[in-house]
């Protein structure tokens, strides 16, 4: 099979596509022919060995996929031909991926492989940041930073569906138009003014919740724009910079600063993780959520896809199509 291969840590350009042996399933495992694989910001960090956990070299990058089962290691709930989606730490950017049967979910009839591969990581992150961590309520103002990115656009759409009022902050008119299409009620170009003052003006005194996948210089102004008792949820640092928050702001504003991270949340709240997956799957099937897919790359262009996501040039979600 062809696969993206990372033999050394570094920028996305170190990833090359080459022939690798086809995977062979053991009992409890299945081999999936990958039709679509989602590209996430952490995938690029893992290639650069800048993620919280290292992937031992060499490895195939990629953390989520959708496709068809082509082999199973033992009789079980899955059979050859089943349409499935799944995820893992690495392994998705290939023509075939080996997965534990328990990590795979059925792709419902009527759902294409592209959206099935695109919604998992970003929508689960956005859902739990909003619902499980922030406890969003109808009518609240939710400010989303990096609102045109994968997690950001999912957070805009989900907050809107949950009855919140959404102010989307992004770095260009084109990105803000994506946010409008996803349901944002107000738009802020945070390269063009004072983010704190604009957020407070739009939300009539302050946001109830901030969802921040960006970090960097915009985190503190957004926290300052929270109303008393608000919730600030960090979900990543796409800017490449981890901010330092003055704790006196937390004290004076009575706000909660908290976070969502998959590994820890899944280990400590597996019931909530499964509930969220069931609710999101139902939303995908009935069309309430629709991932914004801005680009689809062939497997040979994996390095370019990772670069676009790492440098925040993409909007919504980027996919890789190993069948192209």
C-alpha atoms as a PDB file:
ATOM      1  CA  UNK A   1       0.000   0.000   0.000  1.00  0.00           C
ATOM      2  CA  UNK A   2       1.001   3.661  -0.361  1.00  0.00           C
ATOM      3  CA  UNK A   3       1.361   5.605   2.855  1.00  0.00           C
ATOM      4  CA  UNK A   4       2.640   8.919   4.130  1.00  0.00           C
ATOM      5  CA  UNK A   5       5.816   8.125   6.053  1.00  0.00           C
ATOM      6  CA  UNK A   6       7.550  10.133   8.753  1.00  0.00           C
ATOM      7  CA  UNK A   7      11.082   8.816   9.369  1.00  0.00           C
ATOM      8  CA  UNK A   8      12.361  11.925  11.163  1.00  0.00           C
ATOM      9  CA  UNK A   9      10.812  14.745  13.161  1.00  0.00           C
ATOM     10  CA  UNK A  10      10.576  18.112  11.515  1.00  0.00           C
ATOM     11  CA  UNK A  11       8.349  20.338   9.372  1.00  0.00           C
ATOM     12  CA  UNK A  12       5.657  18.714   7.221  1.00  0.00           C
ATOM     13  CA  UNK A  13       8.152  18.507   4.338  1.00  0.00           C
ATOM     14  CA  UNK A  14       9.831  15.535   6.080  1.00  0.00           C
ATOM     15  CA  UNK A  15       6.715  13.449   5.299  1.00  0.00           C
ATOM     16  CA  UNK A  16       7.108  11.413   2.109  1.00  0.00           C
ATOM     17  CA  UNK A  17       4.762   8.960   0.386  1.00  0.00           C
ATOM     18  CA  UNK A  18       6.159   5.495  -0.238  1.00  0.00           C
ATOM     19  CA  UNK A  19       5.175   1.863  -0.478  1.00  0.00           C
ATOM     20  CA  UNK A  20       4.699   0.080   2.830  1.00  0.00           C
ATOM     21  CA  UNK A  21       3.573  -3.477   3.607  1.00  0.00           C
ATOM     22  CA  UNK A  22      -0.175  -4.023   3.758  1.00  0.00           C
ATOM     23  CA  UNK A  23      -1.343  -4.356   7.377  1.00  0.00           C
ATOM     24  CA  UNK A  24      -2.529  -7.754   8.583  1.00  0.00           C
ATOM     25  CA  UNK A  25      -5.212  -7.878  11.277  1.00  0.00           C
ATOM     26  CA  UNK A  26      -4.929  -9.909  14.446  1.00  0.00           C
ATOM     27  CA  UNK A  27      -7.962 -11.067  16.458  1.00  0.00           C
ATOM     28  CA  UNK A  28      -9.997  -8.030  17.455  1.00  0.00           C
ATOM     29  CA  UNK A  29      -8.563  -5.897  14.664  1.00  0.00           C
ATOM     30  CA  UNK A  30      -9.723  -4.823  11.218  1.00  0.00           C
ATOM     31  CA  UNK A  31      -8.064  -3.351   8.141  1.00  0.00           C
ATOM     32  CA  UNK A  32      -9.884  -0.385   6.602  1.00  0.00           C
ATOM     33  CA  UNK A  33      -9.422   0.898   3.068  1.00  0.00           C
ATOM     34  CA  UNK A  34      -9.184   4.631   3.675  1.00  0.00           C
ATOM     35  CA  UNK A  35     -11.427   6.733   1.434  1.00  0.00           C
ATOM     36  CA  UNK A  36     -10.998  10.006   3.353  1.00  0.00           C
ATOM     37  CA  UNK A  37      -8.720  11.107   6.178  1.00  0.00           C
ATOM     38  CA  UNK A  38      -9.090  14.303   8.187  1.00  0.00           C
ATOM     39  CA  UNK A  39      -6.086  16.575   8.712  1.00  0.00           C
ATOM     40  CA  UNK A  40      -5.895  18.122  12.181  1.00  0.00           C
ATOM     41  CA  UNK A  41      -3.524  20.662  13.688  1.00  0.00           C
ATOM     42  CA  UNK A  42      -2.101  18.109  16.168  1.00  0.00           C
ATOM     43  CA  UNK A  43      -1.103  15.883  13.219  1.00  0.00           C
ATOM     44  CA  UNK A  44       1.423  18.522  12.158  1.00  0.00           C
ATOM     45  CA  UNK A  45       2.610  18.960  15.755  1.00  0.00           C
ATOM     46  CA  UNK A  46       3.176  15.200  16.055  1.00  0.00           C
ATOM     47  CA  UNK A  47       5.303  15.234  12.882  1.00  0.00           C
ATOM     48  CA  UNK A  48       7.392  17.996  14.442  1.00  0.00           C
ATOM     49  CA  UNK A  49       7.539  16.217  17.837  1.00  0.00           C
ATOM     50  CA  UNK A  50       5.866  19.273  19.387  1.00  0.00           C
ATOM     51  CA  UNK A  51       2.751  17.538  20.699  1.00  0.00           C
ATOM     52  CA  UNK A  52       2.201  16.609  24.357  1.00  0.00           C
ATOM     53  CA  UNK A  53       2.952  12.970  23.515  1.00  0.00           C
ATOM     54  CA  UNK A  54       5.618  11.759  21.075  1.00  0.00           C
ATOM     55  CA  UNK A  55       5.005   9.231  18.302  1.00  0.00           C
ATOM     56  CA  UNK A  56       7.963   6.826  18.098  1.00  0.00           C
ATOM     57  CA  UNK A  57       9.767   6.992  14.761  1.00  0.00           C
ATOM     58  CA  UNK A  58       9.061   5.940  12.082  1.00  0.00           C
ATOM     59  CA  UNK A  59       5.296   6.271  11.769  1.00  0.00           C
ATOM     60  CA  UNK A  60       2.381   7.054   9.455  1.00  0.00           C
ATOM     61  CA  UNK A  61       0.760  10.331  10.567  1.00  0.00           C
ATOM     62  CA  UNK A  62      -2.974  10.978  10.614  1.00  0.00           C
ATOM     63  CA  UNK A  63      -5.532  10.612  13.389  1.00  0.00           C
ATOM     64  CA  UNK A  64      -8.973  10.131  11.792  1.00  0.00           C
ATOM     65  CA  UNK A  65     -10.359   8.355   8.754  1.00  0.00           C
ATOM     66  CA  UNK A  66     -13.391   6.843   7.070  1.00  0.00           C
ATOM     67  CA  UNK A  67     -13.585   3.962   4.623  1.00  0.00           C
ATOM     68  CA  UNK A  68     -14.511   0.308   4.037  1.00  0.00           C
ATOM     69  CA  UNK A  69     -13.459  -2.770   5.986  1.00  0.00           C
ATOM     70  CA  UNK A  70     -11.338  -5.034   3.761  1.00  0.00           C
ATOM     71  CA  UNK A  71     -10.178  -7.621   6.312  1.00  0.00           C
ATOM     72  CA  UNK A  72     -10.956  -8.712   9.877  1.00  0.00           C
ATOM     73  CA  UNK A  73      -8.763 -10.679  12.253  1.00  0.00           C
ATOM     74  CA  UNK A  74     -11.569 -12.783  13.692  1.00  0.00           C
ATOM     75  CA  UNK A  75     -15.341 -13.136  13.345  1.00  0.00           C
ATOM     76  CA  UNK A  76     -17.094 -10.373  15.222  1.00  0.00           C
ATOM     77  CA  UNK A  77     -19.350  -7.383  14.863  1.00  0.00           C
ATOM     78  CA  UNK A  78     -17.578  -6.140  11.727  1.00  0.00           C
ATOM     79  CA  UNK A  79     -17.473  -7.763   8.319  1.00  0.00           C
ATOM     80  CA  UNK A  80     -15.764  -7.041   5.017  1.00  0.00           C
ATOM     81  CA  UNK A  81     -17.557  -4.234   3.171  1.00  0.00           C
ATOM     82  CA  UNK A  82     -18.787  -2.390   6.265  1.00  0.00           C
ATOM     83  CA  UNK A  83     -18.611   1.413   6.066  1.00  0.00           C
ATOM     84  CA  UNK A  84     -16.773   2.712   9.116  1.00  0.00           C
ATOM     85  CA  UNK A  85     -14.997   5.701  10.593  1.00  0.00           C
ATOM     86  CA  UNK A  86     -12.365   5.721  13.285  1.00  0.00           C
ATOM     87  CA  UNK A  87      -9.452   7.464  14.859  1.00  0.00           C
ATOM     88  CA  UNK A  88      -6.205   6.917  16.631  1.00  0.00           C
ATOM     89  CA  UNK A  89      -2.997   8.680  17.488  1.00  0.00           C
ATOM     90  CA  UNK A  90      -1.357   7.999  14.095  1.00  0.00           C
ATOM     91  CA  UNK A  91      -1.790   5.801  11.011  1.00  0.00           C
ATOM     92  CA  UNK A  92      -4.601   7.373   8.969  1.00  0.00           C
ATOM     93  CA  UNK A  93      -2.706   8.905   6.027  1.00  0.00           C
ATOM     94  CA  UNK A  94      -2.452   5.686   4.022  1.00  0.00           C
ATOM     95  CA  UNK A  95      -4.400   3.571   1.581  1.00  0.00           C
ATOM     96  CA  UNK A  96      -5.109   1.152   4.432  1.00  0.00           C
ATOM     97  CA  UNK A  97      -5.145   1.483   8.203  1.00  0.00           C
ATOM     98  CA  UNK A  98      -5.105  -1.123  10.952  1.00  0.00           C
ATOM     99  CA  UNK A  99      -7.568  -0.424  13.772  1.00  0.00           C
ATOM    100  CA  UNK A 100      -9.054  -2.074  16.827  1.00  0.00           C
ATOM    101  CA  UNK A 101     -12.627  -3.128  16.067  1.00  0.00           C
ATOM    102  CA  UNK A 102     -13.804  -1.326  19.205  1.00  0.00           C
ATOM    103  CA  UNK A 103     -12.397   1.972  17.921  1.00  0.00           C
ATOM    104  CA  UNK A 104     -14.488   1.866  14.730  1.00  0.00           C
ATOM    105  CA  UNK A 105     -18.005   3.232  14.302  1.00  0.00           C
ATOM    106  CA  UNK A 106     -20.455   2.557  11.504  1.00  0.00           C
ATOM    107  CA  UNK A 107     -20.905   5.309   8.934  1.00  0.00           C
ATOM    108  CA  UNK A 108     -24.684   5.524   8.460  1.00  0.00           C
ATOM    109  CA  UNK A 109     -26.232   5.160   5.026  1.00  0.00           C
ATOM    110  CA  UNK A 110     -26.626   8.537   3.408  1.00  0.00           C
ATOM    111  CA  UNK A 111     -23.493  10.002   5.017  1.00  0.00           C
ATOM    112  CA  UNK A 112     -20.539  10.411   2.664  1.00  0.00           C
ATOM    113  CA  UNK A 113     -17.049   9.366   3.707  1.00  0.00           C
ATOM    114  CA  UNK A 114     -15.741  12.945   3.516  1.00  0.00           C
ATOM    115  CA  UNK A 115     -18.000  14.398   6.226  1.00  0.00           C
ATOM    116  CA  UNK A 116     -17.623  11.186   8.237  1.00  0.00           C
ATOM    117  CA  UNK A 117     -13.844  11.690   8.315  1.00  0.00           C
ATOM    118  CA  UNK A 118     -14.102  15.440   8.868  1.00  0.00           C
ATOM    119  CA  UNK A 119     -16.324  15.802  11.902  1.00  0.00           C
ATOM    120  CA  UNK A 120     -14.866  13.555  14.605  1.00  0.00           C
ATOM    121  CA  UNK A 121     -11.927  15.373  16.191  1.00  0.00           C
ATOM    122  CA  UNK A 122     -13.079  18.939  15.585  1.00  0.00           C
ATOM    123  CA  UNK A 123     -16.758  18.509  16.444  1.00  0.00           C
ATOM    124  CA  UNK A 124     -16.104  16.368  19.500  1.00  0.00           C
ATOM    125  CA  UNK A 125     -13.630  18.974  20.764  1.00  0.00           C
ATOM    126  CA  UNK A 126     -16.106  21.796  20.135  1.00  0.00           C
ATOM    127  CA  UNK A 127     -19.033  19.855  21.620  1.00  0.00           C
ATOM    128  CA  UNK A 128     -17.290  19.000  24.882  1.00  0.00           C
ATOM    129  CA  UNK A 129     -15.753  22.455  25.224  1.00  0.00           C
ATOM    130  CA  UNK A 130     -19.244  23.947  24.931  1.00  0.00           C
ATOM    131  CA  UNK A 131     -21.424  21.329  26.634  1.00  0.00           C
ATOM    132  CA  UNK A 132     -19.352  19.191  29.001  1.00  0.00           C
ATOM    133  CA  UNK A 133     -16.913  21.889  30.138  1.00  0.00           C
ATOM    134  CA  UNK A 134     -18.580  25.294  29.698  1.00  0.00           C
ATOM    135  CA  UNK A 135     -22.189  24.166  30.189  1.00  0.00           C
ATOM    136  CA  UNK A 136     -23.502  26.511  27.502  1.00  0.00           C
ATOM    137  CA  UNK A 137     -27.105  27.686  27.873  1.00  0.00           C
ATOM    138  CA  UNK A 138     -29.535  29.075  25.267  1.00  0.00           C
ATOM    139  CA  UNK A 139     -29.244  32.820  24.893  1.00  0.00           C
ATOM    140  CA  UNK A 140     -25.685  33.069  26.213  1.00  0.00           C
ATOM    141  CA  UNK A 141     -23.022  34.892  24.223  1.00  0.00           C
ATOM    142  CA  UNK A 142     -20.255  32.559  23.050  1.00  0.00           C
ATOM    143  CA  UNK A 143     -17.088  34.134  21.615  1.00  0.00           C
ATOM    144  CA  UNK A 144     -15.048  31.806  19.392  1.00  0.00           C
ATOM    145  CA  UNK A 145     -11.447  32.653  18.518  1.00  0.00           C
ATOM    146  CA  UNK A 146      -9.902  31.192  15.369  1.00  0.00           C
ATOM    147  CA  UNK A 147     -13.515  30.774  14.345  1.00  0.00           C
ATOM    148  CA  UNK A 148     -12.845  29.756  10.737  1.00  0.00           C
ATOM    149  CA  UNK A 149     -10.545  26.866  11.625  1.00  0.00           C
ATOM    150  CA  UNK A 150     -11.516  23.250  12.171  1.00  0.00           C
ATOM    151  CA  UNK A 151     -12.448  23.439  15.856  1.00  0.00           C
ATOM    152  CA  UNK A 152     -13.534  27.082  15.577  1.00  0.00           C
ATOM    153  CA  UNK A 153     -16.018  26.561  12.762  1.00  0.00           C
ATOM    154  CA  UNK A 154     -17.420  23.487  14.538  1.00  0.00           C
ATOM    155  CA  UNK A 155     -17.825  25.527  17.731  1.00  0.00           C
ATOM    156  CA  UNK A 156     -19.637  28.296  15.845  1.00  0.00           C
ATOM    157  CA  UNK A 157     -22.068  25.852  14.277  1.00  0.00           C
ATOM    158  CA  UNK A 158     -22.704  23.854  17.447  1.00  0.00           C
ATOM    159  CA  UNK A 159     -23.130  26.908  19.676  1.00  0.00           C
ATOM    160  CA  UNK A 160     -25.679  28.248  17.194  1.00  0.00           C
ATOM    161  CA  UNK A 161     -27.535  24.916  17.168  1.00  0.00           C
ATOM    162  CA  UNK A 162     -27.564  24.874  20.971  1.00  0.00           C
ATOM    163  CA  UNK A 163     -29.350  28.216  21.056  1.00  0.00           C
ATOM    164  CA  UNK A 164     -26.428  30.442  22.003  1.00  0.00           C
ATOM    165  CA  UNK A 165     -25.590  33.751  20.365  1.00  0.00           C
ATOM    166  CA  UNK A 166     -22.229  33.500  18.650  1.00  0.00           C
ATOM    167  CA  UNK A 167     -19.576  36.111  17.960  1.00  0.00           C
ATOM    168  CA  UNK A 168     -16.862  34.774  15.667  1.00  0.00           C
ATOM    169  CA  UNK A 169     -13.358  36.235  15.636  1.00  0.00           C
ATOM    170  CA  UNK A 170     -11.071  35.487  12.696  1.00  0.00           C
ATOM    171  CA  UNK A 171      -8.264  37.114  10.745  1.00  0.00           C
ATOM    172  CA  UNK A 172      -9.729  37.997   7.337  1.00  0.00           C
ATOM    173  CA  UNK A 173     -13.015  38.860   5.605  1.00  0.00           C
ATOM    174  CA  UNK A 174     -12.941  35.546   3.725  1.00  0.00           C
ATOM    175  CA  UNK A 175     -12.608  33.583   6.967  1.00  0.00           C
ATOM    176  CA  UNK A 176     -15.379  35.622   8.569  1.00  0.00           C
ATOM    177  CA  UNK A 177     -17.685  34.790   5.678  1.00  0.00           C
ATOM    178  CA  UNK A 178     -17.178  31.092   6.481  1.00  0.00           C
ATOM    179  CA  UNK A 179     -18.183  31.890  10.073  1.00  0.00           C
ATOM    180  CA  UNK A 180     -21.322  33.653   8.885  1.00  0.00           C
ATOM    181  CA  UNK A 181     -22.271  30.577   6.847  1.00  0.00           C
ATOM    182  CA  UNK A 182     -21.785  28.399   9.959  1.00  0.00           C
ATOM    183  CA  UNK A 183     -24.265  30.494  11.963  1.00  0.00           C
ATOM    184  CA  UNK A 184     -22.318  33.323  13.623  1.00  0.00           C
ATOM    185  CA  UNK A 185     -24.489  36.235  14.803  1.00  0.00           C
ATOM    186  CA  UNK A 186     -21.629  38.760  14.896  1.00  0.00           C
ATOM    187  CA  UNK A 187     -18.194  38.931  13.288  1.00  0.00           C
ATOM    188  CA  UNK A 188     -14.902  40.481  14.441  1.00  0.00           C
ATOM    189  CA  UNK A 189     -11.700  40.777  12.404  1.00  0.00           C
ATOM    190  CA  UNK A 190      -9.208  40.643  15.253  1.00  0.00           C
ATOM    191  CA  UNK A 191      -6.395  42.016  13.113  1.00  0.00           C
ATOM    192  CA  UNK A 192      -8.224  45.298  12.702  1.00  0.00           C
ATOM    193  CA  UNK A 193      -8.917  46.651  16.187  1.00  0.00           C
ATOM    194  CA  UNK A 194      -9.140  46.177  19.939  1.00  0.00           C
ATOM    195  CA  UNK A 195     -10.461  42.654  20.474  1.00  0.00           C
ATOM    196  CA  UNK A 196     -11.510  43.221  24.089  1.00  0.00           C
ATOM    197  CA  UNK A 197     -13.491  46.376  23.353  1.00  0.00           C
ATOM    198  CA  UNK A 198     -15.090  44.953  20.217  1.00  0.00           C
ATOM    199  CA  UNK A 199     -16.171  41.793  22.019  1.00  0.00           C
ATOM    200  CA  UNK A 200     -17.652  43.776  24.914  1.00  0.00           C
ATOM    201  CA  UNK A 201     -19.487  46.087  22.521  1.00  0.00           C
ATOM    202  CA  UNK A 202     -20.959  43.262  20.442  1.00  0.00           C
ATOM    203  CA  UNK A 203     -22.061  41.238  23.484  1.00  0.00           C
ATOM    204  CA  UNK A 204     -23.534  44.212  25.383  1.00  0.00           C
ATOM    205  CA  UNK A 205     -20.980  44.186  28.176  1.00  0.00           C
ATOM    206  CA  UNK A 206     -19.201  40.869  27.921  1.00  0.00           C
ATOM    207  CA  UNK A 207     -19.331  37.318  26.641  1.00  0.00           C
ATOM    208  CA  UNK A 208     -20.514  34.438  28.813  1.00  0.00           C
ATOM    209  CA  UNK A 209     -18.115  31.915  27.255  1.00  0.00           C
ATOM    210  CA  UNK A 210     -14.878  32.116  25.268  1.00  0.00           C
ATOM    211  CA  UNK A 211     -13.745  29.089  23.242  1.00  0.00           C
ATOM    212  CA  UNK A 212     -10.038  29.487  22.414  1.00  0.00           C
ATOM    213  CA  UNK A 213      -8.225  27.081  20.081  1.00  0.00           C
ATOM    214  CA  UNK A 214      -5.598  29.743  19.247  1.00  0.00           C
ATOM    215  CA  UNK A 215      -3.847  30.961  22.394  1.00  0.00           C
ATOM    216  CA  UNK A 216      -1.141  33.562  21.882  1.00  0.00           C
ATOM    217  CA  UNK A 217      -1.796  37.283  22.032  1.00  0.00           C
ATOM    218  CA  UNK A 218      -5.595  37.062  21.717  1.00  0.00           C
ATOM    219  CA  UNK A 219      -6.266  34.946  24.807  1.00  0.00           C
ATOM    220  CA  UNK A 220      -5.909  37.656  27.441  1.00  0.00           C
ATOM    221  CA  UNK A 221      -8.013  40.303  25.614  1.00  0.00           C
ATOM    222  CA  UNK A 222     -10.737  37.689  25.148  1.00  0.00           C
ATOM    223  CA  UNK A 223     -10.632  36.764  28.825  1.00  0.00           C
ATOM    224  CA  UNK A 224     -10.869  40.458  29.724  1.00  0.00           C
ATOM    225  CA  UNK A 225     -13.996  40.633  27.548  1.00  0.00           C
ATOM    226  CA  UNK A 226     -15.841  38.034  29.664  1.00  0.00           C
ATOM    227  CA  UNK A 227     -18.647  39.261  31.879  1.00  0.00           C
ATOM    228  CA  UNK A 228     -18.417  38.500  35.619  1.00  0.00           C
ATOM    229  CA  UNK A 229     -18.702  34.746  36.218  1.00  0.00           C
ATOM    230  CA  UNK A 230     -17.912  33.832  32.612  1.00  0.00           C
ATOM    231  CA  UNK A 231     -16.098  30.702  31.436  1.00  0.00           C
ATOM    232  CA  UNK A 232     -12.889  30.646  29.395  1.00  0.00           C
ATOM    233  CA  UNK A 233     -12.181  27.288  27.715  1.00  0.00           C
ATOM    234  CA  UNK A 234      -8.804  26.661  26.108  1.00  0.00           C
ATOM    235  CA  UNK A 235      -8.631  23.798  23.604  1.00  0.00           C
ATOM    236  CA  UNK A 236      -5.256  24.373  21.934  1.00  0.00           C
ATOM    237  CA  UNK A 237      -2.588  26.790  20.821  1.00  0.00           C
ATOM    238  CA  UNK A 238      -2.776  27.088  17.033  1.00  0.00           C
ATOM    239  CA  UNK A 239      -0.848  30.371  17.203  1.00  0.00           C
ATOM    240  CA  UNK A 240       2.168  28.400  18.416  1.00  0.00           C
ATOM    241  CA  UNK A 241       2.338  30.447  21.620  1.00  0.00           C
ATOM    242  CA  UNK A 242       1.030  29.393  25.041  1.00  0.00           C
ATOM    243  CA  UNK A 243      -0.282  32.491  26.845  1.00  0.00           C
ATOM    244  CA  UNK A 244       0.308  33.452  30.460  1.00  0.00           C
ATOM    245  CA  UNK A 245      -2.892  34.620  32.137  1.00  0.00           C
ATOM    246  CA  UNK A 246      -2.632  37.094  35.058  1.00  0.00           C
ATOM    247  CA  UNK A 247      -4.505  35.413  37.907  1.00  0.00           C
ATOM    248  CA  UNK A 248      -5.679  38.742  39.279  1.00  0.00           C
ATOM    249  CA  UNK A 249      -8.049  38.899  36.284  1.00  0.00           C
ATOM    250  CA  UNK A 250      -9.570  35.585  37.335  1.00  0.00           C
ATOM    251  CA  UNK A 251      -9.936  36.873  40.879  1.00  0.00           C
ATOM    252  CA  UNK A 252     -11.489  40.228  40.007  1.00  0.00           C
ATOM    253  CA  UNK A 253     -13.839  38.954  37.281  1.00  0.00           C
ATOM    254  CA  UNK A 254     -14.919  35.765  39.068  1.00  0.00           C
ATOM    255  CA  UNK A 255     -14.346  33.770  35.891  1.00  0.00           C
ATOM    256  CA  UNK A 256     -13.559  30.105  35.428  1.00  0.00           C
ATOM    257  CA  UNK A 257     -10.547  29.196  33.293  1.00  0.00           C
ATOM    258  CA  UNK A 258     -10.740  25.588  32.162  1.00  0.00           C
ATOM    259  CA  UNK A 259      -9.934  23.326  29.200  1.00  0.00           C
ATOM    260  CA  UNK A 260     -10.783  20.346  27.053  1.00  0.00           C
ATOM    261  CA  UNK A 261      -8.158  17.797  25.950  1.00  0.00           C
ATOM    262  CA  UNK A 262      -9.099  14.439  24.428  1.00  0.00           C
ATOM    263  CA  UNK A 263      -6.768  12.056  26.221  1.00  0.00           C
ATOM    264  CA  UNK A 264      -7.412  13.276  29.744  1.00  0.00           C
ATOM    265  CA  UNK A 265     -11.135  13.784  29.217  1.00  0.00           C
ATOM    266  CA  UNK A 266     -11.545  10.333  27.665  1.00  0.00           C
ATOM    267  CA  UNK A 267      -9.673   8.707  30.555  1.00  0.00           C
ATOM    268  CA  UNK A 268     -11.652  10.456  33.294  1.00  0.00           C
ATOM    269  CA  UNK A 269     -15.084  10.938  31.692  1.00  0.00           C
ATOM    270  CA  UNK A 270     -15.585   8.103  29.200  1.00  0.00           C
ATOM    271  CA  UNK A 271     -19.352   8.202  29.696  1.00  0.00           C
ATOM    272  CA  UNK A 272     -19.526  11.838  28.589  1.00  0.00           C
ATOM    273  CA  UNK A 273     -17.270  11.086  25.620  1.00  0.00           C
ATOM    274  CA  UNK A 274     -19.589   8.314  24.416  1.00  0.00           C
ATOM    275  CA  UNK A 275     -22.698  10.443  24.978  1.00  0.00           C
ATOM    276  CA  UNK A 276     -21.210  13.216  22.885  1.00  0.00           C
ATOM    277  CA  UNK A 277     -20.312  10.843  20.068  1.00  0.00           C
ATOM    278  CA  UNK A 278     -23.853   9.498  19.960  1.00  0.00           C
ATOM    279  CA  UNK A 279     -25.382  12.979  19.898  1.00  0.00           C
ATOM    280  CA  UNK A 280     -22.996  14.224  17.204  1.00  0.00           C
ATOM    281  CA  UNK A 281     -23.597  11.144  15.057  1.00  0.00           C
ATOM    282  CA  UNK A 282     -27.333  11.805  15.203  1.00  0.00           C
ATOM    283  CA  UNK A 283     -26.747  15.446  14.241  1.00  0.00           C
ATOM    284  CA  UNK A 284     -24.618  14.375  11.261  1.00  0.00           C
ATOM    285  CA  UNK A 285     -27.202  11.873  10.044  1.00  0.00           C
ATOM    286  CA  UNK A 286     -30.109  14.313  10.151  1.00  0.00           C
ATOM    287  CA  UNK A 287     -28.084  17.139   8.613  1.00  0.00           C
ATOM    288  CA  UNK A 288     -27.974  19.494  11.589  1.00  0.00           C
ATOM    289  CA  UNK A 289     -24.186  19.594  11.406  1.00  0.00           C
ATOM    290  CA  UNK A 290     -22.209  19.810   8.189  1.00  0.00           C
ATOM    291  CA  UNK A 291     -18.426  20.153   8.359  1.00  0.00           C
ATOM    292  CA  UNK A 292     -16.998  22.904   6.176  1.00  0.00           C
ATOM    293  CA  UNK A 293     -14.461  21.081   3.958  1.00  0.00           C
ATOM    294  CA  UNK A 294     -12.243  23.666   2.277  1.00  0.00           C
ATOM    295  CA  UNK A 295      -9.779  21.384   0.453  1.00  0.00           C
ATOM    296  CA  UNK A 296      -9.195  17.744  -0.476  1.00  0.00           C
ATOM    297  CA  UNK A 297      -5.611  16.650  -1.226  1.00  0.00           C
ATOM    298  CA  UNK A 298      -4.341  13.431  -2.816  1.00  0.00           C
ATOM    299  CA  UNK A 299      -2.137  11.258  -0.630  1.00  0.00           C
ATOM    300  CA  UNK A 300       0.941  12.419  -2.562  1.00  0.00           C
ATOM    301  CA  UNK A 301       0.314  15.968  -1.278  1.00  0.00           C
ATOM    302  CA  UNK A 302       0.140  15.053   2.421  1.00  0.00           C
ATOM    303  CA  UNK A 303       3.013  17.409   3.271  1.00  0.00           C
ATOM    304  CA  UNK A 304       1.215  20.310   1.571  1.00  0.00           C
ATOM    305  CA  UNK A 305      -2.020  19.535   3.431  1.00  0.00           C
ATOM    306  CA  UNK A 306      -0.197  19.468   6.774  1.00  0.00           C
ATOM    307  CA  UNK A 307       1.550  22.747   5.941  1.00  0.00           C
ATOM    308  CA  UNK A 308      -1.710  24.528   5.120  1.00  0.00           C
ATOM    309  CA  UNK A 309      -3.234  23.430   8.428  1.00  0.00           C
ATOM    310  CA  UNK A 310      -0.099  24.202  10.447  1.00  0.00           C
ATOM    311  CA  UNK A 311       0.191  27.695   8.978  1.00  0.00           C
ATOM    312  CA  UNK A 312      -3.549  28.336   9.452  1.00  0.00           C
ATOM    313  CA  UNK A 313      -4.195  28.983   5.771  1.00  0.00           C
ATOM    314  CA  UNK A 314      -7.101  26.540   5.647  1.00  0.00           C
ATOM    315  CA  UNK A 315     -10.673  27.169   6.703  1.00  0.00           C
ATOM    316  CA  UNK A 316     -12.849  24.493   8.239  1.00  0.00           C
ATOM    317  CA  UNK A 317     -11.469  21.039   7.554  1.00  0.00           C
ATOM    318  CA  UNK A 318      -8.850  19.698   5.139  1.00  0.00           C
ATOM    319  CA  UNK A 319      -9.074  16.089   3.900  1.00  0.00           C
ATOM    320  CA  UNK A 320      -6.720  13.639   2.254  1.00  0.00           C
ATOM    321  CA  UNK A 321      -8.132  11.243  -0.349  1.00  0.00           C
ATOM    322  CA  UNK A 322      -5.822   8.198  -0.671  1.00  0.00           C
ATOM    323  CA  UNK A 323      -7.922   6.868  -3.547  1.00  0.00           C
ATOM    324  CA  UNK A 324      -7.166   9.878  -5.770  1.00  0.00           C
END
